[in-house]
C-alpha atoms as a PDB file:
ATOM      1  CA  UNK A   1     -26.520 -34.309 -48.208  1.00  0.00           C
ATOM      2  CA  UNK A   2     -24.969 -32.008 -45.656  1.00  0.00           C
ATOM      3  CA  UNK A   3     -22.401 -30.190 -47.807  1.00  0.00           C
ATOM      4  CA  UNK A   4     -21.086 -26.794 -46.891  1.00  0.00           C
ATOM      5  CA  UNK A   5     -18.726 -24.323 -48.482  1.00  0.00           C
ATOM      6  CA  UNK A   6     -15.277 -23.873 -46.892  1.00  0.00           C
ATOM      7  CA  UNK A   7     -13.428 -21.572 -49.247  1.00  0.00           C
ATOM      8  CA  UNK A   8     -12.544 -20.486 -52.743  1.00  0.00           C
ATOM      9  CA  UNK A   9      -9.216 -19.670 -54.364  1.00  0.00           C
ATOM     10  CA  UNK A  10      -8.342 -16.208 -53.046  1.00  0.00           C
ATOM     11  CA  UNK A  11      -7.072 -15.268 -56.501  1.00  0.00           C
ATOM     12  CA  UNK A  12     -10.143 -16.500 -58.356  1.00  0.00           C
ATOM     13  CA  UNK A  13     -10.848 -14.848 -61.659  1.00  0.00           C
ATOM     14  CA  UNK A  14     -14.475 -15.998 -61.773  1.00  0.00           C
ATOM     15  CA  UNK A  15     -13.679 -18.388 -64.668  1.00  0.00           C
ATOM     16  CA  UNK A  16     -11.435 -20.867 -62.911  1.00  0.00           C
ATOM     17  CA  UNK A  17     -12.295 -21.006 -59.271  1.00  0.00           C
ATOM     18  CA  UNK A  18     -10.835 -23.884 -57.265  1.00  0.00           C
ATOM     19  CA  UNK A  19     -13.220 -24.420 -54.369  1.00  0.00           C
ATOM     20  CA  UNK A  20     -13.389 -26.619 -51.267  1.00  0.00           C
ATOM     21  CA  UNK A  21     -16.490 -28.011 -49.585  1.00  0.00           C
ATOM     22  CA  UNK A  22     -16.957 -30.471 -46.718  1.00  0.00           C
ATOM     23  CA  UNK A  23     -19.561 -33.235 -46.708  1.00  0.00           C
ATOM     24  CA  UNK A  24     -20.446 -33.403 -43.025  1.00  0.00           C
ATOM     25  CA  UNK A  25     -22.314 -36.707 -43.467  1.00  0.00           C
ATOM     26  CA  UNK A  26     -19.401 -38.649 -44.973  1.00  0.00           C
ATOM     27  CA  UNK A  27     -16.616 -36.370 -43.678  1.00  0.00           C
ATOM     28  CA  UNK A  28     -15.226 -36.158 -47.201  1.00  0.00           C
ATOM     29  CA  UNK A  29     -13.548 -33.132 -48.724  1.00  0.00           C
ATOM     30  CA  UNK A  30     -14.974 -32.069 -52.068  1.00  0.00           C
ATOM     31  CA  UNK A  31     -12.523 -30.183 -54.225  1.00  0.00           C
ATOM     32  CA  UNK A  32     -12.994 -28.389 -57.519  1.00  0.00           C
ATOM     33  CA  UNK A  33      -9.706 -27.552 -59.164  1.00  0.00           C
ATOM     34  CA  UNK A  34      -7.685 -27.757 -62.344  1.00  0.00           C
ATOM     35  CA  UNK A  35      -7.373 -31.140 -64.028  1.00  0.00           C
ATOM     36  CA  UNK A  36      -3.749 -32.140 -64.362  1.00  0.00           C
ATOM     37  CA  UNK A  37      -2.253 -32.085 -67.845  1.00  0.00           C
ATOM     38  CA  UNK A  38      -1.308 -35.264 -69.703  1.00  0.00           C
ATOM     39  CA  UNK A  39       2.374 -35.080 -68.719  1.00  0.00           C
ATOM     40  CA  UNK A  40       1.456 -34.835 -65.043  1.00  0.00           C
ATOM     41  CA  UNK A  41      -1.035 -37.703 -65.351  1.00  0.00           C
ATOM     42  CA  UNK A  42       1.592 -39.902 -67.019  1.00  0.00           C
ATOM     43  CA  UNK A  43       4.164 -39.070 -64.348  1.00  0.00           C
ATOM     44  CA  UNK A  44       1.706 -39.789 -61.532  1.00  0.00           C
ATOM     45  CA  UNK A  45       0.797 -43.111 -63.187  1.00  0.00           C
ATOM     46  CA  UNK A  46       4.487 -44.042 -63.337  1.00  0.00           C
ATOM     47  CA  UNK A  47       5.037 -43.139 -59.677  1.00  0.00           C
ATOM     48  CA  UNK A  48       1.994 -45.001 -58.376  1.00  0.00           C
ATOM     49  CA  UNK A  49       3.046 -47.385 -55.575  1.00  0.00           C
ATOM     50  CA  UNK A  50       0.742 -50.035 -57.032  1.00  0.00           C
ATOM     51  CA  UNK A  51       2.153 -49.422 -60.528  1.00  0.00           C
ATOM     52  CA  UNK A  52      -1.428 -49.330 -61.713  1.00  0.00           C
ATOM     53  CA  UNK A  53      -2.811 -46.610 -63.981  1.00  0.00           C
ATOM     54  CA  UNK A  54      -5.261 -44.087 -62.630  1.00  0.00           C
ATOM     55  CA  UNK A  55      -8.567 -45.912 -62.990  1.00  0.00           C
ATOM     56  CA  UNK A  56     -11.634 -44.689 -64.844  1.00  0.00           C
ATOM     57  CA  UNK A  57     -13.667 -42.348 -62.690  1.00  0.00           C
ATOM     58  CA  UNK A  58     -10.576 -40.926 -60.969  1.00  0.00           C
ATOM     59  CA  UNK A  59      -8.238 -38.138 -62.009  1.00  0.00           C
ATOM     60  CA  UNK A  60      -5.408 -36.022 -60.681  1.00  0.00           C
ATOM     61  CA  UNK A  61      -6.269 -32.447 -59.793  1.00  0.00           C
ATOM     62  CA  UNK A  62      -3.802 -29.642 -59.279  1.00  0.00           C
ATOM     63  CA  UNK A  63      -4.551 -27.474 -56.249  1.00  0.00           C
ATOM     64  CA  UNK A  64      -2.785 -24.113 -56.088  1.00  0.00           C
ATOM     65  CA  UNK A  65      -0.403 -23.674 -53.142  1.00  0.00           C
ATOM     66  CA  UNK A  66      -2.303 -20.557 -52.098  1.00  0.00           C
ATOM     67  CA  UNK A  67      -5.253 -22.823 -51.222  1.00  0.00           C
ATOM     68  CA  UNK A  68      -3.369 -24.756 -48.518  1.00  0.00           C
ATOM     69  CA  UNK A  69      -4.937 -22.645 -45.729  1.00  0.00           C
ATOM     70  CA  UNK A  70      -8.394 -23.464 -47.101  1.00  0.00           C
ATOM     71  CA  UNK A  71      -7.591 -27.190 -47.225  1.00  0.00           C
ATOM     72  CA  UNK A  72      -6.312 -27.005 -43.613  1.00  0.00           C
ATOM     73  CA  UNK A  73      -9.504 -25.240 -42.558  1.00  0.00           C
ATOM     74  CA  UNK A  74     -11.591 -27.991 -44.171  1.00  0.00           C
ATOM     75  CA  UNK A  75      -9.514 -30.707 -42.472  1.00  0.00           C
ATOM     76  CA  UNK A  76      -9.833 -28.932 -39.120  1.00  0.00           C
ATOM     77  CA  UNK A  77     -13.607 -28.854 -39.509  1.00  0.00           C
ATOM     78  CA  UNK A  78     -13.594 -32.646 -39.839  1.00  0.00           C
ATOM     79  CA  UNK A  79     -11.153 -33.294 -36.967  1.00  0.00           C
ATOM     80  CA  UNK A  80     -13.099 -33.539 -33.709  1.00  0.00           C
ATOM     81  CA  UNK A  81      -9.945 -32.725 -31.728  1.00  0.00           C
ATOM     82  CA  UNK A  82      -9.664 -29.341 -33.464  1.00  0.00           C
ATOM     83  CA  UNK A  83     -13.308 -28.218 -33.379  1.00  0.00           C
END
């Protein structure tokens, strides 16, 4: 695996630390963040275009707005036109 660190929540408190990595082999983003609460999960299920529940093995994660620059940086690393 060719995974590398991109960034961590700039307001991390060392307990909860949303983090972003890039898998250079698959060009996937790997994101650690807060699991959405039950109300959010239910709402996302209801708004699903396929009207299907979130399947086993998948979840909804909440990424703090302050991490948008880190997500952009990770996307830019995977976009050959930006490198």
